Each structure stands twice: as structure tokens, then as C-alpha cells.
Amino acid sequence: MPTTMPRIPTPDGLADAFAAFPDRGGPHPGVLLYSGAFGVRPVPREMARELAEHAPNRHQ
């Protein structure tokens, strides 16, 4: 599954985030997870991956 760890500019500096995308090709939604006070934790990261896997393919 394609994933990335973007840093989102905010008025207080850069915020860590996690983005997950389905393995299927073509246009599809992804899941973007903003971090909490302690950064992107493993359990929410896994939840973002699971949600991305369930994203519908717009061409079906």
C-alpha cells in the first residue's frame, strides 16, 4: 500500500501527518491522518491503512 509522511504547514510550524492510498490504480480517495500532540502513533496509522483499503474505486 502506498503511504507517505507529509508535513503540513500550520501557523505554529509543521505538523506531522500520515497518508495511505489503496493499492488499486486509477483515481481513488486516500486517507490523511493528522497527528496528535505525540505525533503519528502506530494504531491510528494502521487504522488509516485499513480505511484506505476500503475506499471505493470510482470506475467500478
N, C-alpha and C. Protein backbone atom coordinates (compact mmCIF):
# COMPACT_ATOMS: atom_id res chain seq x y z
N MET A 1 0.84 -1.17 0.00
CA MET A 1 0.00 0.00 0.00
C MET A 1 0.89 1.24 0.00
N PRO A 2 0.65 2.16 -0.92
CA PRO A 2 1.42 3.39 -0.92
C PRO A 2 1.09 4.26 0.30
N THR A 3 2.11 4.75 0.96
CA THR A 3 1.94 5.65 2.09
C THR A 3 2.99 6.75 2.01
N THR A 4 2.72 7.84 2.71
CA THR A 4 3.67 8.93 2.79
C THR A 4 3.51 9.62 4.14
N MET A 5 4.53 10.33 4.57
CA MET A 5 4.50 11.05 5.85
C MET A 5 4.69 12.55 5.55
N PRO A 6 3.62 13.22 5.09
CA PRO A 6 3.76 14.65 4.77
C PRO A 6 3.89 15.49 6.04
N ARG A 7 4.42 16.68 5.89
CA ARG A 7 4.48 17.66 6.97
C ARG A 7 3.62 18.83 6.52
N ILE A 8 2.59 19.14 7.28
CA ILE A 8 1.60 20.13 6.92
C ILE A 8 1.95 21.48 7.57
N PRO A 9 2.11 22.54 6.78
CA PRO A 9 2.40 23.85 7.38
C PRO A 9 1.20 24.37 8.18
N THR A 10 1.44 24.86 9.38
CA THR A 10 0.42 25.46 10.23
C THR A 10 0.98 26.78 10.77
N PRO A 11 0.14 27.61 11.38
CA PRO A 11 0.65 28.86 11.96
C PRO A 11 1.70 28.62 13.05
N ASP A 12 1.68 27.45 13.68
CA ASP A 12 2.62 27.13 14.76
C ASP A 12 3.82 26.32 14.31
N GLY A 13 3.96 26.08 13.01
CA GLY A 13 5.07 25.27 12.49
C GLY A 13 4.55 24.12 11.67
N LEU A 14 5.37 23.09 11.47
CA LEU A 14 4.99 21.94 10.66
C LEU A 14 4.36 20.86 11.53
N ALA A 15 3.23 20.31 11.06
CA ALA A 15 2.54 19.22 11.76
C ALA A 15 2.80 17.92 11.01
N ASP A 16 3.14 16.87 11.73
CA ASP A 16 3.32 15.55 11.12
C ASP A 16 1.97 14.98 10.72
N ALA A 17 1.95 14.22 9.64
CA ALA A 17 0.74 13.57 9.16
C ALA A 17 1.12 12.24 8.53
N PHE A 18 0.12 11.44 8.20
CA PHE A 18 0.31 10.14 7.56
C PHE A 18 -0.76 10.01 6.50
N ALA A 19 -0.41 9.63 5.28
CA ALA A 19 -1.36 9.44 4.20
C ALA A 19 -1.23 8.02 3.66
N ALA A 20 -2.37 7.35 3.47
CA ALA A 20 -2.41 5.99 2.93
C ALA A 20 -3.34 5.98 1.72
N PHE A 21 -2.97 5.20 0.70
CA PHE A 21 -3.73 5.13 -0.55
C PHE A 21 -3.95 3.66 -0.91
N PRO A 22 -5.12 3.32 -1.48
CA PRO A 22 -5.36 1.93 -1.89
C PRO A 22 -4.33 1.47 -2.92
N ASP A 23 -4.11 0.17 -2.98
CA ASP A 23 -3.17 -0.40 -3.95
C ASP A 23 -3.70 -0.33 -5.37
N ARG A 24 -5.01 -0.25 -5.53
CA ARG A 24 -5.60 -0.23 -6.88
C ARG A 24 -5.18 1.01 -7.64
N GLY A 25 -5.03 0.88 -8.92
CA GLY A 25 -4.70 2.03 -9.75
C GLY A 25 -5.92 2.87 -10.03
N GLY A 26 -5.71 3.99 -10.64
CA GLY A 26 -6.82 4.86 -11.01
C GLY A 26 -7.15 5.86 -9.94
N PRO A 27 -8.09 6.77 -10.23
CA PRO A 27 -8.47 7.77 -9.23
C PRO A 27 -9.19 7.11 -8.06
N HIS A 28 -8.83 7.47 -6.89
CA HIS A 28 -9.46 6.93 -5.69
C HIS A 28 -9.15 7.86 -4.51
N PRO A 29 -10.00 7.82 -3.49
CA PRO A 29 -9.71 8.63 -2.31
C PRO A 29 -8.59 8.00 -1.49
N GLY A 30 -7.90 8.80 -0.76
CA GLY A 30 -6.91 8.33 0.19
C GLY A 30 -7.34 8.73 1.59
N VAL A 31 -6.54 8.42 2.58
CA VAL A 31 -6.83 8.78 3.96
C VAL A 31 -5.66 9.61 4.47
N LEU A 32 -5.97 10.79 4.98
CA LEU A 32 -4.95 11.67 5.55
C LEU A 32 -5.19 11.77 7.04
N LEU A 33 -4.19 11.43 7.82
CA LEU A 33 -4.28 11.43 9.28
C LEU A 33 -3.35 12.50 9.83
N TYR A 34 -3.91 13.48 10.53
CA TYR A 34 -3.09 14.48 11.21
C TYR A 34 -2.67 13.92 12.56
N SER A 35 -1.50 14.30 13.00
CA SER A 35 -1.00 13.78 14.27
C SER A 35 -1.61 14.52 15.45
N GLY A 36 -1.56 13.87 16.60
CA GLY A 36 -1.94 14.50 17.85
C GLY A 36 -0.70 15.10 18.50
N ALA A 37 -0.79 15.36 19.76
CA ALA A 37 0.30 16.00 20.49
C ALA A 37 1.57 15.16 20.50
N PHE A 38 1.43 13.85 20.38
CA PHE A 38 2.59 12.96 20.48
C PHE A 38 3.03 12.39 19.14
N GLY A 39 2.60 12.99 18.04
CA GLY A 39 3.00 12.50 16.72
C GLY A 39 2.05 11.44 16.21
N VAL A 40 2.36 10.91 15.05
CA VAL A 40 1.52 9.87 14.42
C VAL A 40 1.85 8.55 15.10
N ARG A 41 0.88 8.00 15.82
CA ARG A 41 1.08 6.77 16.58
C ARG A 41 0.76 5.55 15.72
N PRO A 42 1.28 4.36 16.08
CA PRO A 42 1.09 3.15 15.27
C PRO A 42 -0.37 2.73 15.07
N VAL A 43 -1.20 2.78 16.10
CA VAL A 43 -2.58 2.30 15.96
C VAL A 43 -3.38 3.18 14.99
N PRO A 44 -3.38 4.51 15.13
CA PRO A 44 -4.10 5.31 14.13
C PRO A 44 -3.52 5.16 12.72
N ARG A 45 -2.22 4.94 12.61
CA ARG A 45 -1.61 4.72 11.29
C ARG A 45 -2.19 3.45 10.65
N GLU A 46 -2.34 2.41 11.44
CA GLU A 46 -2.92 1.15 10.94
C GLU A 46 -4.38 1.36 10.56
N MET A 47 -5.10 2.17 11.34
CA MET A 47 -6.49 2.47 11.03
C MET A 47 -6.60 3.22 9.70
N ALA A 48 -5.69 4.14 9.42
CA ALA A 48 -5.69 4.87 8.15
C ALA A 48 -5.46 3.91 6.99
N ARG A 49 -4.55 2.96 7.17
CA ARG A 49 -4.32 1.95 6.12
C ARG A 49 -5.57 1.12 5.86
N GLU A 50 -6.24 0.71 6.94
CA GLU A 50 -7.44 -0.11 6.80
C GLU A 50 -8.54 0.68 6.08
N LEU A 51 -8.74 1.94 6.45
CA LEU A 51 -9.74 2.76 5.79
C LEU A 51 -9.42 2.94 4.30
N ALA A 52 -8.17 3.15 3.97
CA ALA A 52 -7.78 3.32 2.57
C ALA A 52 -8.06 2.06 1.76
N GLU A 53 -7.91 0.89 2.35
CA GLU A 53 -8.18 -0.36 1.64
C GLU A 53 -9.65 -0.49 1.29
N HIS A 54 -10.52 0.13 2.07
CA HIS A 54 -11.96 0.04 1.83
C HIS A 54 -12.49 1.13 0.91
N ALA A 55 -11.61 2.00 0.46
CA ALA A 55 -12.03 3.10 -0.43
C ALA A 55 -12.56 2.53 -1.74
N PRO A 56 -13.73 3.02 -2.19
CA PRO A 56 -14.28 2.50 -3.44
C PRO A 56 -13.48 3.00 -4.64
N ASN A 57 -13.41 2.16 -5.65
CA ASN A 57 -12.79 2.58 -6.91
C ASN A 57 -13.87 3.32 -7.69
N ARG A 58 -13.60 4.53 -8.11
CA ARG A 58 -14.61 5.36 -8.78
C ARG A 58 -14.99 4.84 -10.15
N HIS A 59 -14.26 3.91 -10.71
CA HIS A 59 -14.55 3.41 -12.06
C HIS A 59 -15.30 2.10 -12.04
N GLN A 60 -15.74 1.64 -10.89
CA GLN A 60 -16.47 0.36 -10.84
C GLN A 60 -17.95 0.59 -10.96
